[in-house]
Amino acid sequence: MRSRRVRAQLKATPADVVAMVHAETSTGVVNPMRELAAIAREHGALTIVDAVTSLGGMPIDVGAWGIDAAYPAPRSASAGRPVSRRWCSGGARSSSA
């Protein structure tokens, strides 16, 4: 259902960037990142993923899933030493403005 909504929204209102949350802690929803990134790519949009609660706690493969950039937060799923990094796929595309 989320995939259909994202596809319909991008068709109705084109975007250069699609930003989304990988794992939402208050609802327990884990979004299908590979599928959503593919939909964004079909519409020429870059994908940025908020991996604040998921990185280090569940699988996330930025390159294989076609995510352009992902970011964590200190001491979330990593539950320990602070993390201040961003991951970008090697195939990041530029967006024309």
C-alpha atoms as a PDB file:
ATOM      1  CA  MET A   1       0.000   0.000   0.000  1.00  0.00           C
ATOM      2  CA  ARG A   2       2.801   2.488   0.870  1.00  0.00           C
ATOM      3  CA  SER A   3       4.424   1.758  -2.470  1.00  0.00           C
ATOM      4  CA  ARG A   4       1.274   2.576  -4.410  1.00  0.00           C
ATOM      5  CA  ARG A   5       0.846   5.817  -2.473  1.00  0.00           C
ATOM      6  CA  VAL A   6       4.429   6.911  -3.096  1.00  0.00           C
ATOM      7  CA  ARG A   7       4.155   6.100  -6.794  1.00  0.00           C
ATOM      8  CA  ALA A   8       0.846   7.992  -7.114  1.00  0.00           C
ATOM      9  CA  GLN A   9       2.202  11.003  -5.223  1.00  0.00           C
ATOM     10  CA  LEU A  10       5.333  11.210  -7.381  1.00  0.00           C
ATOM     11  CA  LYS A  11       3.219  10.949 -10.512  1.00  0.00           C
ATOM     12  CA  ALA A  12       0.930  13.759  -9.317  1.00  0.00           C
ATOM     13  CA  THR A  13       3.683  15.932  -7.844  1.00  0.00           C
ATOM     14  CA  PRO A  14       7.201  15.277  -9.206  1.00  0.00           C
ATOM     15  CA  ALA A  15      10.049  15.644  -6.712  1.00  0.00           C
ATOM     16  CA  ASP A  16      13.834  15.857  -6.912  1.00  0.00           C
ATOM     17  CA  VAL A  17      14.324  14.129  -3.564  1.00  0.00           C
ATOM     18  CA  VAL A  18      12.313  11.561  -1.607  1.00  0.00           C
ATOM     19  CA  ALA A  19      13.203  11.369   2.085  1.00  0.00           C
ATOM     20  CA  MET A  20      11.864   8.569   4.267  1.00  0.00           C
ATOM     21  CA  VAL A  21      12.265   6.806   7.580  1.00  0.00           C
ATOM     22  CA  HIS A  22      13.514   3.208   7.493  1.00  0.00           C
ATOM     23  CA  ALA A  23      12.102   2.097  10.869  1.00  0.00           C
ATOM     24  CA  GLU A  24       9.522   4.171  12.764  1.00  0.00           C
ATOM     25  CA  THR A  25       9.799   3.502  16.486  1.00  0.00           C
ATOM     26  CA  SER A  26       6.439   4.828  17.657  1.00  0.00           C
ATOM     27  CA  THR A  27       4.438   2.615  15.256  1.00  0.00           C
ATOM     28  CA  GLY A  28       6.834  -0.267  14.618  1.00  0.00           C
ATOM     29  CA  VAL A  29       6.591   0.235  10.858  1.00  0.00           C
ATOM     30  CA  VAL A  30       9.615  -0.846   8.812  1.00  0.00           C
ATOM     31  CA  ASN A  31       9.386   0.633   5.338  1.00  0.00           C
ATOM     32  CA  PRO A  32      10.390  -1.423   2.267  1.00  0.00           C
ATOM     33  CA  MET A  33      13.414   0.693   1.375  1.00  0.00           C
ATOM     34  CA  ARG A  34      14.525  -1.237  -1.714  1.00  0.00           C
ATOM     35  CA  GLU A  35      11.050  -0.970  -3.256  1.00  0.00           C
ATOM     36  CA  LEU A  36      10.519   2.677  -2.316  1.00  0.00           C
ATOM     37  CA  ALA A  37      13.989   3.670  -3.579  1.00  0.00           C
ATOM     38  CA  ALA A  38      13.232   1.947  -6.902  1.00  0.00           C
ATOM     39  CA  ILE A  39       9.985   3.916  -7.227  1.00  0.00           C
ATOM     40  CA  ALA A  40      11.793   7.185  -6.490  1.00  0.00           C
ATOM     41  CA  ARG A  41      14.439   6.301  -9.081  1.00  0.00           C
ATOM     42  CA  GLU A  42      11.702   5.542 -11.675  1.00  0.00           C
ATOM     43  CA  HIS A  43      10.549   9.136 -11.206  1.00  0.00           C
ATOM     44  CA  GLY A  44      14.053  10.634 -11.326  1.00  0.00           C
ATOM     45  CA  ALA A  45      14.237  11.425  -7.606  1.00  0.00           C
ATOM     46  CA  LEU A  46      17.143  10.903  -5.239  1.00  0.00           C
ATOM     47  CA  THR A  47      16.490   8.914  -2.050  1.00  0.00           C
ATOM     48  CA  ILE A  48      17.558   9.953   1.453  1.00  0.00           C
ATOM     49  CA  VAL A  49      16.875   7.523   4.300  1.00  0.00           C
ATOM     50  CA  ASP A  50      16.615   8.318   7.982  1.00  0.00           C
ATOM     51  CA  ALA A  51      18.250   5.249   9.535  1.00  0.00           C
ATOM     52  CA  VAL A  52      18.345   6.752  13.023  1.00  0.00           C
ATOM     53  CA  THR A  53      16.666   3.779  14.701  1.00  0.00           C
ATOM     54  CA  SER A  54      17.624   1.019  12.284  1.00  0.00           C
ATOM     55  CA  LEU A  55      21.335   1.308  11.477  1.00  0.00           C
ATOM     56  CA  GLY A  56      23.176  -1.216  13.591  1.00  0.00           C
ATOM     57  CA  GLY A  57      19.929  -2.833  14.688  1.00  0.00           C
ATOM     58  CA  MET A  58      18.637  -4.288  11.429  1.00  0.00           C
ATOM     59  CA  PRO A  59      19.902  -4.854   7.888  1.00  0.00           C
ATOM     60  CA  ILE A  60      20.272  -1.841   5.616  1.00  0.00           C
ATOM     61  CA  ASP A  61      22.271  -2.005   2.369  1.00  0.00           C
ATOM     62  CA  VAL A  62      22.552   1.474   0.893  1.00  0.00           C
ATOM     63  CA  GLY A  63      24.194   0.398  -2.374  1.00  0.00           C
ATOM     64  CA  ALA A  64      22.211  -2.769  -3.103  1.00  0.00           C
ATOM     65  CA  TRP A  65      18.884  -1.133  -2.255  1.00  0.00           C
ATOM     66  CA  GLY A  66      19.546   1.884  -4.497  1.00  0.00           C
ATOM     67  CA  ILE A  67      19.502   4.419  -1.660  1.00  0.00           C
ATOM     68  CA  ASP A  68      21.403   7.596  -2.513  1.00  0.00           C
ATOM     69  CA  ALA A  69      22.139   8.626   1.081  1.00  0.00           C
ATOM     70  CA  ALA A  70      21.374   7.389   4.592  1.00  0.00           C
ATOM     71  CA  TYR A  71      22.164   8.816   7.993  1.00  0.00           C
ATOM     72  CA  PRO A  72      22.116   7.519  11.578  1.00  0.00           C
ATOM     73  CA  ALA A  73      22.134   9.346  14.895  1.00  0.00           C
ATOM     74  CA  PRO A  74      24.432   8.939  17.859  1.00  0.00           C
ATOM     75  CA  ARG A  75      23.538   6.148  20.273  1.00  0.00           C
ATOM     76  CA  SER A  76      20.344   4.849  18.681  1.00  0.00           C
ATOM     77  CA  ALA A  77      20.330   1.223  17.488  1.00  0.00           C
ATOM     78  CA  SER A  78      24.106   1.199  17.906  1.00  0.00           C
ATOM     79  CA  ALA A  79      23.465   1.637  21.661  1.00  0.00           C
ATOM     80  CA  GLY A  80      26.898   2.768  22.537  1.00  0.00           C
ATOM     81  CA  ARG A  81      29.565   4.917  21.095  1.00  0.00           C
ATOM     82  CA  PRO A  82      28.403   7.980  19.202  1.00  0.00           C
ATOM     83  CA  VAL A  83      28.134   7.688  15.448  1.00  0.00           C
ATOM     84  CA  SER A  84      28.345  10.710  13.196  1.00  0.00           C
ATOM     85  CA  ARG A  85      28.541   9.389   9.671  1.00  0.00           C
ATOM     86  CA  ARG A  86      26.568   9.506   6.454  1.00  0.00           C
ATOM     87  CA  TRP A  87      26.574   6.765   3.869  1.00  0.00           C
ATOM     88  CA  CYS A  88      26.153   7.421   0.175  1.00  0.00           C
ATOM     89  CA  SER A  89      25.894   4.881  -2.580  1.00  0.00           C
ATOM     90  CA  GLY A  90      28.529   4.916  -5.293  1.00  0.00           C
ATOM     91  CA  GLY A  91      25.820   5.432  -7.875  1.00  0.00           C
ATOM     92  CA  ALA A  92      24.436   8.697  -6.529  1.00  0.00           C
ATOM     93  CA  ARG A  93      22.817  10.731  -9.254  1.00  0.00           C
ATOM     94  CA  SER A  94      22.651  14.469  -9.648  1.00  0.00           C
ATOM     95  CA  SER A  95      19.323  16.186  -9.854  1.00  0.00           C
ATOM     96  CA  SER A  96      18.618  18.933 -12.375  1.00  0.00           C
ATOM     97  CA  ALA A  97      17.052  22.023 -10.862  1.00  0.00           C
END
